[in-house]
Amino acid sequence: SNYPNPFYPATIIEYQIPKDSFVNLIVYNSLGQVVAKLVNQNQTSGGYSVKFDDSNLPSGVYMYKLKANEFSLTKKMILAK
């Protein structure tokens, strides 16, 4: 999950992976367009945190999608200026 949510200008996305995996963490706007690629690499098992700081984006609802091998998770976050 991410905190704080709503956020401005930054939020921290935390996640854990149970086994070594190729991880993608991508942020999308409400139109489904990619606004940030935060992670795109192999990672060992364990806990991670990634800072998403994009104060040049407009206020609104954004989604982040985490994929690690066969696992996939999508969550909503709100940028409020």
PDB file of N, CA and C in Angstrom:
ATOM      1  N   SER A   1       0.835  -1.192   0.000  1.00  0.00           N
ATOM      2  CA  SER A   1       0.000   0.000   0.000  1.00  0.00           C
ATOM      3  C   SER A   1       0.870   1.243   0.000  1.00  0.00           C
ATOM      4  N   ASN A   2       0.244   2.397  -0.189  1.00  0.00           N
ATOM      5  CA  ASN A   2       1.005   3.644  -0.190  1.00  0.00           C
ATOM      6  C   ASN A   2       0.539   4.549   0.938  1.00  0.00           C
ATOM      7  N   TYR A   3       1.441   5.381   1.401  1.00  0.00           N
ATOM      8  CA  TYR A   3       1.100   6.347   2.439  1.00  0.00           C
ATOM      9  C   TYR A   3       1.930   7.598   2.229  1.00  0.00           C
ATOM     10  N   PRO A   4       1.483   8.759   2.509  1.00  0.00           N
ATOM     11  CA  PRO A   4       0.063   9.024   2.798  1.00  0.00           C
ATOM     12  C   PRO A   4      -0.787   8.910   1.535  1.00  0.00           C
ATOM     13  N   ASN A   5      -2.069   8.775   1.732  1.00  0.00           N
ATOM     14  CA  ASN A   5      -3.011   8.726   0.623  1.00  0.00           C
ATOM     15  C   ASN A   5      -4.322   9.342   1.088  1.00  0.00           C
ATOM     16  N   PRO A   6      -4.732  10.499   0.617  1.00  0.00           N
ATOM     17  CA  PRO A   6      -4.197  11.320  -0.464  1.00  0.00           C
ATOM     18  C   PRO A   6      -2.812  11.885  -0.137  1.00  0.00           C
ATOM     19  N   PHE A   7      -2.094  12.274  -1.204  1.00  0.00           N
ATOM     20  CA  PHE A   7      -0.733  12.751  -1.017  1.00  0.00           C
ATOM     21  C   PHE A   7      -0.451  14.011  -1.813  1.00  0.00           C
ATOM     22  N   TYR A   8       0.518  14.756  -1.377  1.00  0.00           N
ATOM     23  CA  TYR A   8       1.128  15.866  -2.102  1.00  0.00           C
ATOM     24  C   TYR A   8       2.358  16.286  -1.349  1.00  0.00           C
ATOM     25  N   PRO A   9       3.482  16.376  -1.912  1.00  0.00           N
ATOM     26  CA  PRO A   9       3.799  16.083  -3.314  1.00  0.00           C
ATOM     27  C   PRO A   9       4.307  14.664  -3.526  1.00  0.00           C
ATOM     28  N   ALA A  10       4.451  13.877  -2.456  1.00  0.00           N
ATOM     29  CA  ALA A  10       5.044  12.539  -2.622  1.00  0.00           C
ATOM     30  C   ALA A  10       4.320  11.519  -1.751  1.00  0.00           C
ATOM     31  N   THR A  11       4.457  10.252  -2.150  1.00  0.00           N
ATOM     32  CA  THR A  11       3.927   9.136  -1.386  1.00  0.00           C
ATOM     33  C   THR A  11       4.931   7.985  -1.450  1.00  0.00           C
ATOM     34  N   ILE A  12       4.873   7.107  -0.483  1.00  0.00           N
ATOM     35  CA  ILE A  12       5.746   5.936  -0.440  1.00  0.00           C
ATOM     36  C   ILE A  12       4.897   4.697  -0.724  1.00  0.00           C
ATOM     37  N   ILE A  13       5.325   3.902  -1.697  1.00  0.00           N
ATOM     38  CA  ILE A  13       4.652   2.643  -2.018  1.00  0.00           C
ATOM     39  C   ILE A  13       5.503   1.519  -1.437  1.00  0.00           C
ATOM     40  N   GLU A  14       4.906   0.737  -0.553  1.00  0.00           N
ATOM     41  CA  GLU A  14       5.607  -0.380   0.074  1.00  0.00           C
ATOM     42  C   GLU A  14       5.026  -1.699  -0.430  1.00  0.00           C
ATOM     43  N   TYR A  15       5.913  -2.668  -0.622  1.00  0.00           N
ATOM     44  CA  TYR A  15       5.470  -3.989  -1.046  1.00  0.00           C
ATOM     45  C   TYR A  15       6.478  -5.037  -0.597  1.00  0.00           C
ATOM     46  N   GLN A  16       6.016  -6.282  -0.560  1.00  0.00           N
ATOM     47  CA  GLN A  16       6.874  -7.418  -0.209  1.00  0.00           C
ATOM     48  C   GLN A  16       6.723  -8.475  -1.287  1.00  0.00           C
ATOM     49  N   ILE A  17       7.828  -9.119  -1.599  1.00  0.00           N
ATOM     50  CA  ILE A  17       7.768 -10.237  -2.531  1.00  0.00           C
ATOM     51  C   ILE A  17       8.311 -11.485  -1.820  1.00  0.00           C
ATOM     52  N   PRO A  18       7.578 -12.596  -1.905  1.00  0.00           N
ATOM     53  CA  PRO A  18       7.947 -13.799  -1.148  1.00  0.00           C
ATOM     54  C   PRO A  18       9.119 -14.574  -1.743  1.00  0.00           C
ATOM     55  N   LYS A  19       9.380 -14.402  -3.048  1.00  0.00           N
ATOM     56  CA  LYS A  19      10.496 -15.107  -3.683  1.00  0.00           C
ATOM     57  C   LYS A  19      11.112 -14.213  -4.746  1.00  0.00           C
ATOM     58  N   ASP A  20      12.318 -14.515  -5.145  1.00  0.00           N
ATOM     59  CA  ASP A  20      12.992 -13.728  -6.175  1.00  0.00           C
ATOM     60  C   ASP A  20      12.086 -13.636  -7.402  1.00  0.00           C
ATOM     61  N   SER A  21      11.925 -12.410  -7.924  1.00  0.00           N
ATOM     62  CA  SER A  21      10.978 -12.180  -9.009  1.00  0.00           C
ATOM     63  C   SER A  21      11.439 -11.029  -9.883  1.00  0.00           C
ATOM     64  N   PHE A  22      10.926 -11.012 -11.121  1.00  0.00           N
ATOM     65  CA  PHE A  22      11.064  -9.824 -11.952  1.00  0.00           C
ATOM     66  C   PHE A  22       9.882  -8.932 -11.609  1.00  0.00           C
ATOM     67  N   VAL A  23      10.152  -7.708 -11.174  1.00  0.00           N
ATOM     68  CA  VAL A  23       9.121  -6.818 -10.636  1.00  0.00           C
ATOM     69  C   VAL A  23       8.924  -5.611 -11.552  1.00  0.00           C
ATOM     70  N   ASN A  24       7.653  -5.304 -11.827  1.00  0.00           N
ATOM     71  CA  ASN A  24       7.256  -4.080 -12.518  1.00  0.00           C
ATOM     72  C   ASN A  24       6.345  -3.301 -11.586  1.00  0.00           C
ATOM     73  N   LEU A  25       6.628  -2.018 -11.422  1.00  0.00           N
ATOM     74  CA  LEU A  25       5.749  -1.126 -10.658  1.00  0.00           C
ATOM     75  C   LEU A  25       5.544   0.113 -11.510  1.00  0.00           C
ATOM     76  N   ILE A  26       4.309   0.273 -12.019  1.00  0.00           N
ATOM     77  CA  ILE A  26       4.001   1.326 -12.972  1.00  0.00           C
ATOM     78  C   ILE A  26       2.819   2.135 -12.455  1.00  0.00           C
ATOM     79  N   VAL A  27       2.894   3.465 -12.631  1.00  0.00           N
ATOM     80  CA  VAL A  27       1.817   4.370 -12.227  1.00  0.00           C
ATOM     81  C   VAL A  27       1.085   4.840 -13.482  1.00  0.00           C
ATOM     82  N   TYR A  28      -0.253   4.800 -13.413  1.00  0.00           N
ATOM     83  CA  TYR A  28      -1.114   5.205 -14.525  1.00  0.00           C
ATOM     84  C   TYR A  28      -2.028   6.348 -14.083  1.00  0.00           C
ATOM     85  N   ASN A  29      -2.414   7.197 -15.028  1.00  0.00           N
ATOM     86  CA  ASN A  29      -3.428   8.206 -14.736  1.00  0.00           C
ATOM     87  C   ASN A  29      -4.807   7.592 -14.954  1.00  0.00           C
ATOM     88  N   SER A  30      -5.856   8.386 -14.773  1.00  0.00           N
ATOM     89  CA  SER A  30      -7.224   7.856 -14.865  1.00  0.00           C
ATOM     90  C   SER A  30      -7.609   7.472 -16.293  1.00  0.00           C
ATOM     91  N   LEU A  31      -6.818   7.884 -17.284  1.00  0.00           N
ATOM     92  CA  LEU A  31      -7.071   7.502 -18.675  1.00  0.00           C
ATOM     93  C   LEU A  31      -6.316   6.232 -19.064  1.00  0.00           C
ATOM     94  N   GLY A  32      -5.547   5.683 -18.130  1.00  0.00           N
ATOM     95  CA  GLY A  32      -4.782   4.472 -18.402  1.00  0.00           C
ATOM     96  C   GLY A  32      -3.425   4.727 -19.026  1.00  0.00           C
ATOM     97  N   GLN A  33      -3.000   5.985 -19.068  1.00  0.00           N
ATOM     98  CA  GLN A  33      -1.697   6.330 -19.629  1.00  0.00           C
ATOM     99  C   GLN A  33      -0.613   6.172 -18.565  1.00  0.00           C
ATOM    100  N   VAL A  34       0.542   5.670 -18.964  1.00  0.00           N
ATOM    101  CA  VAL A  34       1.668   5.510 -18.048  1.00  0.00           C
ATOM    102  C   VAL A  34       2.238   6.891 -17.713  1.00  0.00           C
ATOM    103  N   VAL A  35       2.348   7.182 -16.404  1.00  0.00           N
ATOM    104  CA  VAL A  35       2.955   8.450 -15.981  1.00  0.00           C
ATOM    105  C   VAL A  35       4.297   8.238 -15.301  1.00  0.00           C
ATOM    106  N   ALA A  36       4.575   7.008 -14.846  1.00  0.00           N
ATOM    107  CA  ALA A  36       5.880   6.718 -14.229  1.00  0.00           C
ATOM    108  C   ALA A  36       6.122   5.214 -14.205  1.00  0.00           C
ATOM    109  N   LYS A  37       7.360   4.836 -14.500  1.00  0.00           N
ATOM    110  CA  LYS A  37       7.809   3.451 -14.340  1.00  0.00           C
ATOM    111  C   LYS A  37       8.794   3.472 -13.181  1.00  0.00           C
ATOM    112  N   LEU A  38       8.352   2.973 -12.037  1.00  0.00           N
ATOM    113  CA  LEU A  38       9.145   3.074 -10.815  1.00  0.00           C
ATOM    114  C   LEU A  38      10.107   1.907 -10.623  1.00  0.00           C
ATOM    115  N   VAL A  39       9.696   0.707 -11.020  1.00  0.00           N
ATOM    116  CA  VAL A  39      10.548  -0.482 -10.884  1.00  0.00           C
ATOM    117  C   VAL A  39      10.381  -1.328 -12.136  1.00  0.00           C
ATOM    118  N   ASN A  40      11.493  -1.836 -12.655  1.00  0.00           N
ATOM    119  CA  ASN A  40      11.468  -2.723 -13.816  1.00  0.00           C
ATOM    120  C   ASN A  40      12.739  -3.557 -13.777  1.00  0.00           C
ATOM    121  N   GLN A  41      12.809  -4.489 -12.791  1.00  0.00           N
ATOM    122  CA  GLN A  41      14.046  -5.238 -12.581  1.00  0.00           C
ATOM    123  C   GLN A  41      13.807  -6.479 -11.747  1.00  0.00           C
ATOM    124  N   ASN A  42      14.804  -7.358 -11.750  1.00  0.00           N
ATOM    125  CA  ASN A  42      14.779  -8.510 -10.851  1.00  0.00           C
ATOM    126  C   ASN A  42      15.039  -8.031  -9.429  1.00  0.00           C
ATOM    127  N   GLN A  43      14.288  -8.606  -8.477  1.00  0.00           N
ATOM    128  CA  GLN A  43      14.493  -8.283  -7.069  1.00  0.00           C
ATOM    129  C   GLN A  43      14.463  -9.568  -6.259  1.00  0.00           C
ATOM    130  N   THR A  44      15.254  -9.587  -5.209  1.00  0.00           N
ATOM    131  CA  THR A  44      15.263 -10.738  -4.317  1.00  0.00           C
ATOM    132  C   THR A  44      14.076 -10.652  -3.360  1.00  0.00           C
ATOM    133  N   SER A  45      13.735 -11.757  -2.725  1.00  0.00           N
ATOM    134  CA  SER A  45      12.608 -11.758  -1.796  1.00  0.00           C
ATOM    135  C   SER A  45      12.862 -10.766  -0.666  1.00  0.00           C
ATOM    136  N   GLY A  46      11.766 -10.172  -0.173  1.00  0.00           N
ATOM    137  CA  GLY A  46      11.888  -9.214   0.921  1.00  0.00           C
ATOM    138  C   GLY A  46      10.946  -8.038   0.748  1.00  0.00           C
ATOM    139  N   GLY A  47      11.126  -7.048   1.611  1.00  0.00           N
ATOM    140  CA  GLY A  47      10.288  -5.854   1.601  1.00  0.00           C
ATOM    141  C   GLY A  47      10.994  -4.693   0.921  1.00  0.00           C
ATOM    142  N   TYR A  48      10.216  -3.887   0.222  1.00  0.00           N
ATOM    143  CA  TYR A  48      10.746  -2.748  -0.526  1.00  0.00           C
ATOM    144  C   TYR A  48       9.841  -1.538  -0.330  1.00  0.00           C
ATOM    145  N   SER A  49      10.419  -0.358  -0.502  1.00  0.00           N
ATOM    146  CA  SER A  49       9.635   0.871  -0.528  1.00  0.00           C
ATOM    147  C   SER A  49      10.186   1.751  -1.635  1.00  0.00           C
ATOM    148  N   VAL A  50       9.272   2.396  -2.358  1.00  0.00           N
ATOM    149  CA  VAL A  50       9.620   3.250  -3.489  1.00  0.00           C
ATOM    150  C   VAL A  50       8.903   4.583  -3.302  1.00  0.00           C
ATOM    151  N   LYS A  51       9.637   5.675  -3.457  1.00  0.00           N
ATOM    152  CA  LYS A  51       9.043   7.005  -3.346  1.00  0.00           C
ATOM    153  C   LYS A  51       8.537   7.445  -4.718  1.00  0.00           C
ATOM    154  N   PHE A  52       7.271   7.858  -4.764  1.00  0.00           N
ATOM    155  CA  PHE A  52       6.677   8.424  -5.980  1.00  0.00           C
ATOM    156  C   PHE A  52       6.484   9.905  -5.719  1.00  0.00           C
ATOM    157  N   ASP A  53       7.283  10.723  -6.386  1.00  0.00           N
ATOM    158  CA  ASP A  53       7.251  12.174  -6.214  1.00  0.00           C
ATOM    159  C   ASP A  53       7.128  12.800  -7.585  1.00  0.00           C
ATOM    160  N   ASP A  54       5.936  13.211  -7.928  1.00  0.00           N
ATOM    161  CA  ASP A  54       5.715  13.817  -9.233  1.00  0.00           C
ATOM    162  C   ASP A  54       4.795  15.009  -9.077  1.00  0.00           C
ATOM    163  N   SER A  55       5.330  16.052  -8.483  1.00  0.00           N
ATOM    164  CA  SER A  55       4.529  17.240  -8.193  1.00  0.00           C
ATOM    165  C   SER A  55       4.139  18.005  -9.449  1.00  0.00           C
ATOM    166  N   ASN A  56       4.660  17.619 -10.624  1.00  0.00           N
ATOM    167  CA  ASN A  56       4.253  18.303 -11.855  1.00  0.00           C
ATOM    168  C   ASN A  56       2.977  17.711 -12.456  1.00  0.00           C
ATOM    169  N   LEU A  57       2.448  16.652 -11.854  1.00  0.00           N
ATOM    170  CA  LEU A  57       1.183  16.070 -12.314  1.00  0.00           C
ATOM    171  C   LEU A  57       0.006  16.845 -11.738  1.00  0.00           C
ATOM    172  N   PRO A  58      -1.120  16.869 -12.459  1.00  0.00           N
ATOM    173  CA  PRO A  58      -2.306  17.522 -11.912  1.00  0.00           C
ATOM    174  C   PRO A  58      -2.950  16.682 -10.817  1.00  0.00           C
ATOM    175  N   SER A  59      -3.735  17.331  -9.978  1.00  0.00           N
ATOM    176  CA  SER A  59      -4.504  16.601  -8.962  1.00  0.00           C
ATOM    177  C   SER A  59      -5.390  15.581  -9.649  1.00  0.00           C
ATOM    178  N   GLY A  60      -5.631  14.470  -8.978  1.00  0.00           N
ATOM    179  CA  GLY A  60      -6.503  13.459  -9.552  1.00  0.00           C
ATOM    180  C   GLY A  60      -6.247  12.089  -8.976  1.00  0.00           C
ATOM    181  N   VAL A  61      -6.919  11.115  -9.559  1.00  0.00           N
ATOM    182  CA  VAL A  61      -6.807   9.724  -9.137  1.00  0.00           C
ATOM    183  C   VAL A  61      -5.790   9.031 -10.038  1.00  0.00           C
ATOM    184  N   TYR A  62      -4.882   8.323  -9.410  1.00  0.00           N
ATOM    185  CA  TYR A  62      -3.858   7.565 -10.119  1.00  0.00           C
ATOM    186  C   TYR A  62      -3.903   6.129  -9.620  1.00  0.00           C
ATOM    187  N   MET A  63      -3.467   5.211 -10.457  1.00  0.00           N
ATOM    188  CA  MET A  63      -3.411   3.796 -10.098  1.00  0.00           C
ATOM    189  C   MET A  63      -1.967   3.336 -10.235  1.00  0.00           C
ATOM    190  N   TYR A  64      -1.559   2.457  -9.331  1.00  0.00           N
ATOM    191  CA  TYR A  64      -0.273   1.815  -9.543  1.00  0.00           C
ATOM    192  C   TYR A  64      -0.496   0.312  -9.639  1.00  0.00           C
ATOM    193  N   LYS A  65       0.279  -0.299 -10.539  1.00  0.00           N
ATOM    194  CA  LYS A  65       0.164  -1.737 -10.768  1.00  0.00           C
ATOM    195  C   LYS A  65       1.502  -2.379 -10.459  1.00  0.00           C
ATOM    196  N   LEU A  66       1.458  -3.349  -9.567  1.00  0.00           N
ATOM    197  CA  LEU A  66       2.632  -4.114  -9.176  1.00  0.00           C
ATOM    198  C   LEU A  66       2.507  -5.515  -9.761  1.00  0.00           C
ATOM    199  N   LYS A  67       3.515  -5.920 -10.536  1.00  0.00           N
ATOM    200  CA  LYS A  67       3.551  -7.279 -11.085  1.00  0.00           C
ATOM    201  C   LYS A  67       4.861  -7.918 -10.665  1.00  0.00           C
ATOM    202  N   ALA A  68       4.767  -9.121 -10.122  1.00  0.00           N
ATOM    203  CA  ALA A  68       5.935  -9.903  -9.733  1.00  0.00           C
ATOM    204  C   ALA A  68       5.662 -11.344 -10.134  1.00  0.00           C
ATOM    205  N   ASN A  69       6.316 -11.784 -11.203  1.00  0.00           N
ATOM    206  CA  ASN A  69       6.059 -13.100 -11.792  1.00  0.00           C
ATOM    207  C   ASN A  69       4.572 -13.260 -12.070  1.00  0.00           C
ATOM    208  N   GLU A  70       3.892 -14.232 -11.460  1.00  0.00           N
ATOM    209  CA  GLU A  70       2.476 -14.452 -11.752  1.00  0.00           C
ATOM    210  C   GLU A  70       1.542 -13.600 -10.892  1.00  0.00           C
ATOM    211  N   PHE A  71       2.073 -12.868  -9.930  1.00  0.00           N
ATOM    212  CA  PHE A  71       1.268 -12.033  -9.030  1.00  0.00           C
ATOM    213  C   PHE A  71       1.055 -10.655  -9.645  1.00  0.00           C
ATOM    214  N   SER A  72      -0.159 -10.110  -9.490  1.00  0.00           N
ATOM    215  CA  SER A  72      -0.465  -8.774  -9.981  1.00  0.00           C
ATOM    216  C   SER A  72      -1.416  -8.089  -8.999  1.00  0.00           C
ATOM    217  N   LEU A  73      -1.163  -6.801  -8.727  1.00  0.00           N
ATOM    218  CA  LEU A  73      -1.975  -6.033  -7.791  1.00  0.00           C
ATOM    219  C   LEU A  73      -2.104  -4.618  -8.324  1.00  0.00           C
ATOM    220  N   THR A  74      -3.323  -4.080  -8.294  1.00  0.00           N
ATOM    221  CA  THR A  74      -3.559  -2.691  -8.705  1.00  0.00           C
ATOM    222  C   THR A  74      -4.236  -1.961  -7.559  1.00  0.00           C
ATOM    223  N   LYS A  75      -3.719  -0.776  -7.235  1.00  0.00           N
ATOM    224  CA  LYS A  75      -4.281   0.041  -6.145  1.00  0.00           C
ATOM    225  C   LYS A  75      -4.446   1.472  -6.613  1.00  0.00           C
ATOM    226  N   LYS A  76      -5.376   2.167  -5.945  1.00  0.00           N
ATOM    227  CA  LYS A  76      -5.680   3.552  -6.261  1.00  0.00           C
ATOM    228  C   LYS A  76      -4.988   4.479  -5.279  1.00  0.00           C
ATOM    229  N   MET A  77      -4.536   5.646  -5.779  1.00  0.00           N
ATOM    230  CA  MET A  77      -4.002   6.686  -4.904  1.00  0.00           C
ATOM    231  C   MET A  77      -4.461   8.031  -5.443  1.00  0.00           C
ATOM    232  N   ILE A  78      -4.537   9.020  -4.544  1.00  0.00           N
ATOM    233  CA  ILE A  78      -5.085  10.319  -4.898  1.00  0.00           C
ATOM    234  C   ILE A  78      -4.035  11.397  -4.668  1.00  0.00           C
ATOM    235  N   LEU A  79      -3.773  12.173  -5.726  1.00  0.00           N
ATOM    236  CA  LEU A  79      -2.883  13.322  -5.648  1.00  0.00           C
ATOM    237  C   LEU A  79      -3.758  14.552  -5.440  1.00  0.00           C
ATOM    238  N   ALA A  80      -3.616  15.211  -4.280  1.00  0.00           N
ATOM    239  CA  ALA A  80      -4.442  16.370  -3.946  1.00  0.00           C
ATOM    240  C   ALA A  80      -3.544  17.565  -3.695  1.00  0.00           C
ATOM    241  N   LYS A  81      -3.653  18.563  -4.546  1.00  0.00           N
ATOM    242  CA  LYS A  81      -2.831  19.773  -4.397  1.00  0.00           C
ATOM    243  C   LYS A  81      -3.609  20.845  -3.682  1.00  0.00           C
TER     244      LYS A  81
END
